[in-house]
Amino acid sequence: MKLSIKDLNKKLKNEAYSSLYLLYGKEKYILEYTQKMIVQAALDEETADFNLSAFDMEEQSIDTAIEDAETLPFMGERRVVIIQNPYFLTGAKTKSKVEHDLKHLESYLKDPVEQAIVIFVAPYEKLDERKKIVKTLKKQAEVIVADKMNVRLQKEWIEHAAKEANVTISNEAAERLIQLQGENLALLISEVKKMALYVGEGEQIDPRTVDELISRSLESNVFTMVEHVANRRIDSALRICYDLLKQNEEPIKLMALLSRQFRIILQVKQLRAQGYTEKNIASTLSLHPYAVKIAAKQSVSFQEDELKALLMKAADADFEMKTGQRDKTLTLELFLTSLARQPQSN
């Protein structure tokens, strides 16, 4: 049965444990958080060392894990067995030479030991639904899917992390954090904890706190450079460019990222003119919704023809860099400087 983390948490608080849990998906933080939540709810702190074990299926056989699950708990009510990297649930090939008796596993799944909790942690985007073992496991286990998150869910987790740290975070600060750090949920949560220590219990994390404490990703710096270009603050754009060059960022890479962002702005502008919503645009272009939101805001400062001409100029600059016709840093500087002469949209 598929559960939300919220529903799982309610069941755990009521000590309504399942003998089998399947956690799968690419969002590593959710997998780790859910696993930890189950372990902490199911085991006493005093006996956890005796009754908790983990087995990596790329290195150990499933038989070994099942034998451990069938062993009586020591000085406690139950055992928890974690089965990591169960690649046999997918269609992917592996270099592992470990042999797994899946019939033995299937037999256990149909009649699991009552005093054992077995947690399958599968860090894969998809499982092979055609396999009998997958069908059986999904039927018998409580399932948590750790999908990559949209902005709304990321903000919910950020707010949850702030609450756990006894602080609050404003909506604007949460959005700013996502803009600066990107989609890595584990990193976002880590930064929330860092800011919580800075502001102190009972206080609020605001956008100013985010700007003061959070280091900017390369992509975020490029967003800001384009923002300066959009508002014809070329000196500010050049300052960021020089800072990135001092950090040994390659001029060709910076040019590619600038071109990409201007291309996204053009695509967003065109799709909005066709009546697409930001959500639909994000889906169509396979972009993070927040990246679309930024591009939509920046697109107001450019005409469509202006963006097309700008992309042609960027392509010429890229060609000059790669063929050695002109110094790469100078070419990047000249490209940014030339944008000051572009007419701003009304």
Protein backbone atom coordinates (compact mmCIF):
# COMPACT_ATOMS: atom_id res chain seq x y z
CA MET A 1 0.00 0.00 0.00
CA LYS A 2 1.36 3.40 -1.00
CA LEU A 3 1.60 5.93 1.82
CA SER A 4 2.55 9.55 2.21
CA ILE A 5 5.22 10.33 4.77
CA LYS A 6 2.59 12.16 6.79
CA ASP A 7 0.36 9.06 6.94
CA LEU A 8 3.34 6.85 7.74
CA ASN A 9 4.30 9.12 10.61
CA LYS A 10 0.78 8.87 12.07
CA LYS A 11 0.89 5.07 11.90
CA LEU A 12 4.31 4.93 13.54
CA LYS A 13 3.17 7.18 16.38
CA ASN A 14 0.30 4.75 16.98
CA GLU A 15 2.79 1.85 16.89
CA ALA A 16 1.01 0.43 13.84
CA TYR A 17 4.11 -1.12 12.34
CA SER A 18 4.30 -3.06 9.09
CA SER A 19 6.57 -6.07 8.71
CA LEU A 20 7.65 -4.78 5.29
CA TYR A 21 8.47 -1.34 3.95
CA LEU A 22 9.55 -0.41 0.43
CA LEU A 23 11.20 2.98 0.00
CA TYR A 24 12.20 3.85 -3.55
CA GLY A 25 12.99 6.89 -5.69
CA LYS A 26 15.83 9.26 -6.54
CA GLU A 27 15.35 11.76 -3.72
CA LYS A 28 18.09 10.53 -1.39
CA TYR A 29 17.12 12.77 1.53
CA ILE A 30 13.56 11.38 1.62
CA LEU A 31 14.87 7.81 1.58
CA GLU A 32 17.23 8.50 4.47
CA TYR A 33 14.66 10.52 6.43
CA THR A 34 11.96 7.85 6.11
CA GLN A 35 14.33 5.02 7.00
CA LYS A 36 15.50 6.90 10.09
CA MET A 37 11.91 7.66 11.09
CA ILE A 38 10.93 3.97 10.97
CA VAL A 39 14.04 2.83 12.87
CA GLN A 40 13.66 5.40 15.63
CA ALA A 41 9.98 4.56 16.08
CA ALA A 42 10.45 0.79 16.07
CA LEU A 43 13.55 0.32 18.25
CA ASP A 44 14.40 1.34 21.78
CA GLU A 45 17.55 3.42 21.95
CA GLU A 46 19.07 1.02 24.49
CA THR A 47 18.74 -2.08 22.31
CA ALA A 48 19.05 -0.56 18.83
CA ASP A 49 22.67 -1.67 18.45
CA PHE A 50 21.65 -5.29 18.99
CA ASN A 51 18.55 -5.31 16.79
CA LEU A 52 19.45 -3.17 13.80
CA SER A 53 21.32 -4.51 10.78
CA ALA A 54 21.84 -3.49 7.18
CA PHE A 55 22.74 -5.53 4.10
CA ASP A 56 23.95 -4.21 0.74
CA MET A 57 22.56 -6.41 -2.02
CA GLU A 58 25.47 -5.57 -4.29
CA GLU A 59 27.79 -7.23 -1.77
CA GLN A 60 25.68 -9.64 0.31
CA SER A 61 23.02 -12.17 -0.57
CA ILE A 62 19.33 -11.81 0.21
CA ASP A 63 19.52 -15.15 2.05
CA THR A 64 21.83 -13.56 4.64
CA ALA A 65 19.36 -10.71 5.20
CA ILE A 66 16.39 -13.06 5.51
CA GLU A 67 18.22 -15.24 8.02
CA ASP A 68 18.87 -12.15 10.11
CA ALA A 69 15.18 -11.16 9.91
CA GLU A 70 14.23 -14.62 11.12
CA THR A 71 16.49 -14.31 14.17
CA LEU A 72 14.73 -13.44 17.42
CA PRO A 73 15.34 -9.90 18.69
CA PHE A 74 17.80 -9.53 21.57
CA MET A 75 16.51 -7.75 24.69
CA GLY A 76 13.83 -6.00 22.65
CA GLU A 77 10.45 -6.46 21.00
CA ARG A 78 11.53 -6.43 17.37
CA ARG A 79 14.40 -6.43 14.89
CA VAL A 80 14.88 -4.04 11.98
CA VAL A 81 16.64 -5.28 8.87
CA ILE A 82 17.56 -2.77 6.16
CA ILE A 83 18.07 -4.11 2.64
CA GLN A 84 20.05 -1.58 0.63
CA ASN A 85 20.45 -1.38 -3.16
CA PRO A 86 18.06 -4.23 -4.08
CA TYR A 87 18.93 -3.94 -7.76
CA PHE A 88 17.03 -7.13 -8.53
CA LEU A 89 13.84 -5.05 -8.25
CA THR A 90 14.88 -3.15 -11.39
CA GLY A 91 15.72 -4.07 -14.94
CA ALA A 92 19.17 -2.51 -14.66
CA LYS A 93 22.33 -4.49 -15.19
CA THR A 94 24.89 -4.70 -12.41
CA LYS A 95 28.51 -5.72 -12.02
CA SER A 96 27.69 -7.49 -8.77
CA LYS A 97 28.41 -11.23 -8.79
CA VAL A 98 26.29 -11.93 -5.72
CA GLU A 99 23.60 -14.56 -6.32
CA HIS A 100 20.16 -13.95 -4.84
CA ASP A 101 17.55 -16.61 -4.15
CA LEU A 102 14.47 -14.58 -5.10
CA LYS A 103 12.16 -17.54 -4.52
CA HIS A 104 13.32 -17.58 -0.90
CA LEU A 105 12.64 -13.84 -0.73
CA GLU A 106 9.22 -14.23 -2.31
CA SER A 107 8.33 -16.90 0.22
CA TYR A 108 9.39 -14.61 3.08
CA LEU A 109 7.40 -11.68 1.70
CA LYS A 110 4.24 -13.76 1.72
CA ASP A 111 4.75 -14.79 5.35
CA PRO A 112 7.11 -12.32 7.10
CA VAL A 113 8.29 -12.83 10.68
CA GLU A 114 6.04 -10.89 13.03
CA GLN A 115 8.78 -9.48 15.27
CA ALA A 116 10.91 -8.27 12.36
CA ILE A 117 10.64 -5.10 10.27
CA VAL A 118 12.34 -5.35 6.89
CA ILE A 119 12.98 -2.10 5.03
CA PHE A 120 13.88 -2.20 1.35
CA VAL A 121 15.73 1.00 0.39
CA ALA A 122 15.85 1.20 -3.41
CA PRO A 123 17.49 4.41 -4.71
CA TYR A 124 16.06 3.98 -8.20
CA GLU A 125 13.64 6.12 -10.19
CA LYS A 126 11.62 3.10 -11.31
CA LEU A 127 11.19 -0.54 -10.42
CA ASP A 128 10.55 -3.25 -12.98
CA GLU A 129 6.80 -3.73 -12.61
CA ARG A 130 6.92 -6.81 -14.83
CA LYS A 131 8.87 -8.78 -12.26
CA LYS A 132 6.94 -11.08 -9.96
CA ILE A 133 9.10 -10.15 -6.97
CA VAL A 134 8.25 -6.44 -7.46
CA LYS A 135 4.53 -7.17 -7.70
CA THR A 136 4.66 -9.28 -4.55
CA LEU A 137 6.68 -6.74 -2.58
CA LYS A 138 4.40 -3.85 -3.56
CA LYS A 139 1.34 -5.90 -2.58
CA GLN A 140 2.73 -6.93 0.81
CA ALA A 141 4.67 -3.83 1.87
CA GLU A 142 3.86 -0.27 2.80
CA VAL A 143 5.38 1.84 0.02
CA ILE A 144 6.93 5.31 0.14
CA VAL A 145 7.92 6.86 -3.20
CA ALA A 146 10.74 9.40 -2.93
CA ASP A 147 10.17 11.32 -6.15
CA LYS A 148 12.06 14.43 -7.15
CA MET A 149 10.13 17.36 -5.74
CA ASN A 150 8.39 20.36 -7.16
CA VAL A 151 8.81 23.80 -5.60
CA ARG A 152 5.71 23.46 -3.40
CA LEU A 153 6.95 20.24 -1.80
CA GLN A 154 10.48 21.59 -1.45
CA LYS A 155 9.09 24.58 0.42
CA GLU A 156 7.05 22.28 2.66
CA TRP A 157 10.19 20.36 3.60
CA ILE A 158 12.11 23.59 4.16
CA GLU A 159 9.34 24.83 6.48
CA HIS A 160 9.30 21.43 8.24
CA ALA A 161 13.08 21.59 8.79
CA ALA A 162 12.75 25.12 10.17
CA LYS A 163 10.01 23.99 12.54
CA GLU A 164 12.15 21.09 13.78
CA ALA A 165 14.91 23.63 14.47
CA ASN A 166 12.44 25.82 16.43
CA VAL A 167 12.50 28.70 13.96
CA THR A 168 10.26 29.90 11.12
CA ILE A 169 11.15 30.79 7.55
CA SER A 170 9.27 33.25 5.36
CA ASN A 171 7.92 32.19 1.98
CA GLU A 172 10.22 34.68 0.25
CA ALA A 173 13.23 33.29 2.12
CA ALA A 174 12.33 29.72 1.15
CA GLU A 175 12.03 30.71 -2.51
CA ARG A 176 15.30 32.61 -2.32
CA LEU A 177 17.02 29.58 -0.81
CA ILE A 178 15.78 27.34 -3.65
CA GLN A 179 16.95 29.92 -6.19
CA LEU A 180 20.46 30.04 -4.72
CA GLN A 181 20.96 26.35 -3.95
CA GLY A 182 18.94 24.51 -6.57
CA GLU A 183 17.00 21.28 -6.17
CA ASN A 184 19.19 19.20 -3.83
CA LEU A 185 16.83 18.69 -0.89
CA ALA A 186 19.54 17.41 1.47
CA LEU A 187 21.57 20.57 0.83
CA LEU A 188 18.50 22.78 1.28
CA ILE A 189 17.71 21.19 4.65
CA SER A 190 21.34 21.48 5.74
CA GLU A 191 21.33 25.20 4.93
CA VAL A 192 18.08 25.70 6.88
CA LYS A 193 19.71 24.12 9.96
CA LYS A 194 22.74 26.38 9.55
CA MET A 195 20.58 29.50 9.31
CA ALA A 196 18.48 28.36 12.29
CA LEU A 197 21.60 28.31 14.46
CA TYR A 198 22.45 31.80 13.23
CA VAL A 199 19.08 33.45 13.93
CA GLY A 200 18.41 31.54 17.18
CA GLU A 201 15.36 29.71 18.52
CA GLY A 202 12.02 31.45 18.09
CA GLU A 203 13.30 33.77 15.36
CA GLN A 204 12.52 33.92 11.64
CA ILE A 205 14.75 33.27 8.66
CA ASP A 206 14.14 36.06 6.15
CA PRO A 207 15.54 36.72 2.63
CA ARG A 208 18.29 38.90 4.07
CA THR A 209 19.49 35.99 6.21
CA VAL A 210 19.56 33.76 3.15
CA ASP A 211 21.60 36.30 1.17
CA GLU A 212 24.06 36.77 4.05
CA LEU A 213 24.70 33.10 4.80
CA ILE A 214 24.11 31.05 1.67
CA SER A 215 26.84 30.74 -0.92
CA ARG A 216 25.57 31.10 -4.45
CA SER A 217 25.71 28.25 -6.93
CA LEU A 218 27.22 28.91 -10.37
CA GLU A 219 23.76 28.74 -11.96
CA SER A 220 22.42 31.24 -9.43
CA ASN A 221 25.25 33.65 -10.25
CA VAL A 222 24.37 33.33 -13.94
CA PHE A 223 20.70 34.09 -13.12
CA THR A 224 21.87 37.24 -11.32
CA MET A 225 24.16 38.24 -14.19
CA VAL A 226 21.24 37.99 -16.60
CA GLU A 227 19.07 39.96 -14.17
CA HIS A 228 21.67 42.76 -14.23
CA VAL A 229 21.80 42.60 -18.04
CA ALA A 230 18.00 42.79 -18.20
CA ASN A 231 18.14 45.99 -16.16
CA ARG A 232 21.18 47.29 -18.08
CA ARG A 233 23.43 47.13 -15.01
CA ILE A 234 26.35 45.87 -17.05
CA ASP A 235 28.95 46.97 -14.48
CA SER A 236 27.26 44.71 -11.90
CA ALA A 237 27.11 41.84 -14.39
CA LEU A 238 30.83 42.25 -15.12
CA ARG A 239 31.68 42.25 -11.40
CA ILE A 240 30.01 38.86 -10.98
CA CYS A 241 31.74 37.65 -14.13
CA TYR A 242 35.17 38.70 -12.79
CA ASP A 243 34.47 37.05 -9.44
CA LEU A 244 33.62 33.78 -11.20
CA LEU A 245 36.75 34.00 -13.35
CA LYS A 246 38.82 34.46 -10.18
CA GLN A 247 37.25 31.22 -8.94
CA ASN A 248 38.69 29.55 -12.07
CA GLU A 249 35.40 29.19 -13.90
CA GLU A 250 36.01 28.71 -17.62
CA PRO A 251 34.90 31.60 -19.87
CA ILE A 252 33.51 29.09 -22.38
CA LYS A 253 31.40 27.50 -19.64
CA LEU A 254 30.11 30.90 -18.50
CA MET A 255 29.23 31.81 -22.08
CA ALA A 256 27.37 28.51 -22.48
CA LEU A 257 25.37 29.10 -19.28
CA LEU A 258 24.54 32.67 -20.30
CA SER A 259 23.41 31.44 -23.73
CA ARG A 260 21.30 28.74 -22.11
CA GLN A 261 19.57 31.24 -19.84
CA PHE A 262 18.84 33.66 -22.69
CA ARG A 263 17.51 30.73 -24.75
CA ILE A 264 15.21 29.75 -21.86
CA ILE A 265 14.00 33.35 -21.58
CA LEU A 266 13.16 33.34 -25.30
CA GLN A 267 11.33 30.00 -25.07
CA VAL A 268 9.39 31.12 -22.01
CA LYS A 269 8.45 34.40 -23.70
CA GLN A 270 7.21 32.57 -26.79
CA LEU A 271 5.21 30.00 -24.83
CA ARG A 272 3.63 32.63 -22.59
CA ALA A 273 2.53 34.48 -25.74
CA GLN A 274 0.80 31.25 -26.76
CA GLY A 275 -1.12 31.16 -23.48
CA TYR A 276 0.94 28.55 -21.61
CA THR A 277 0.97 28.74 -17.82
CA GLU A 278 4.28 28.64 -15.95
CA LYS A 279 3.47 25.11 -14.81
CA ASN A 280 2.86 23.98 -18.40
CA ILE A 281 6.03 25.72 -19.55
CA ALA A 282 8.08 23.92 -16.89
CA SER A 283 6.68 20.60 -18.06
CA THR A 284 7.17 21.39 -21.76
CA LEU A 285 10.78 22.56 -21.34
CA SER A 286 11.64 20.02 -18.60
CA LEU A 287 12.69 22.84 -16.28
CA HIS A 288 12.37 23.43 -12.57
CA PRO A 289 9.29 25.65 -11.97
CA TYR A 290 11.40 28.23 -10.16
CA ALA A 291 13.73 28.55 -13.19
CA VAL A 292 10.64 29.25 -15.31
CA LYS A 293 9.43 31.83 -12.81
CA ILE A 294 12.76 33.68 -12.99
CA ALA A 295 12.86 33.48 -16.79
CA ALA A 296 9.29 34.76 -17.06
CA LYS A 297 10.18 37.76 -14.93
CA GLN A 298 13.33 38.46 -16.97
CA SER A 299 11.53 38.04 -20.31
CA VAL A 300 9.57 41.25 -19.70
CA SER A 301 12.81 43.23 -20.22
CA PHE A 302 13.43 41.86 -23.72
CA GLN A 303 11.71 41.87 -27.09
CA GLU A 304 11.64 38.53 -28.92
CA ASP A 305 13.76 39.86 -31.82
CA GLU A 306 16.23 41.27 -29.32
CA LEU A 307 16.67 37.87 -27.69
CA LYS A 308 17.15 36.15 -31.05
CA ALA A 309 19.85 38.67 -32.01
CA LEU A 310 21.48 38.25 -28.60
CA LEU A 311 21.64 34.47 -29.05
CA MET A 312 23.26 34.91 -32.48
CA LYS A 313 25.84 37.19 -30.89
CA ALA A 314 26.46 34.61 -28.14
CA ALA A 315 26.93 31.88 -30.76
CA ASP A 316 29.51 34.04 -32.57
CA ALA A 317 31.35 34.68 -29.30
CA ASP A 318 31.34 30.99 -28.48
CA PHE A 319 32.81 30.20 -31.91
CA GLU A 320 35.56 32.80 -31.47
CA MET A 321 36.46 31.33 -28.08
CA LYS A 322 36.60 27.73 -29.26
CA THR A 323 38.56 28.46 -32.41
CA GLY A 324 41.09 30.73 -30.68
CA GLN A 325 40.26 33.76 -32.80
CA ARG A 326 40.25 35.96 -29.70
CA ASP A 327 41.19 35.65 -26.03
CA LYS A 328 38.36 33.86 -24.22
CA THR A 329 38.11 36.26 -21.28
CA LEU A 330 38.19 39.31 -23.56
CA THR A 331 35.49 37.78 -25.77
CA LEU A 332 33.24 37.25 -22.73
CA GLU A 333 33.85 40.82 -21.54
CA LEU A 334 33.07 42.25 -24.98
CA PHE A 335 29.88 40.20 -25.19
CA LEU A 336 28.61 41.53 -21.85
CA THR A 337 29.70 45.09 -22.63
CA SER A 338 27.88 45.01 -25.98
CA LEU A 339 24.62 44.26 -24.19
CA ALA A 340 24.65 47.73 -22.63
CA ARG A 341 23.94 49.08 -26.08
CA GLN A 342 20.88 46.88 -26.59
CA PRO A 343 17.58 48.85 -26.53
CA GLN A 344 15.51 47.96 -23.45
CA SER A 345 11.93 46.79 -23.94
CA ASN A 346 9.03 48.86 -22.75
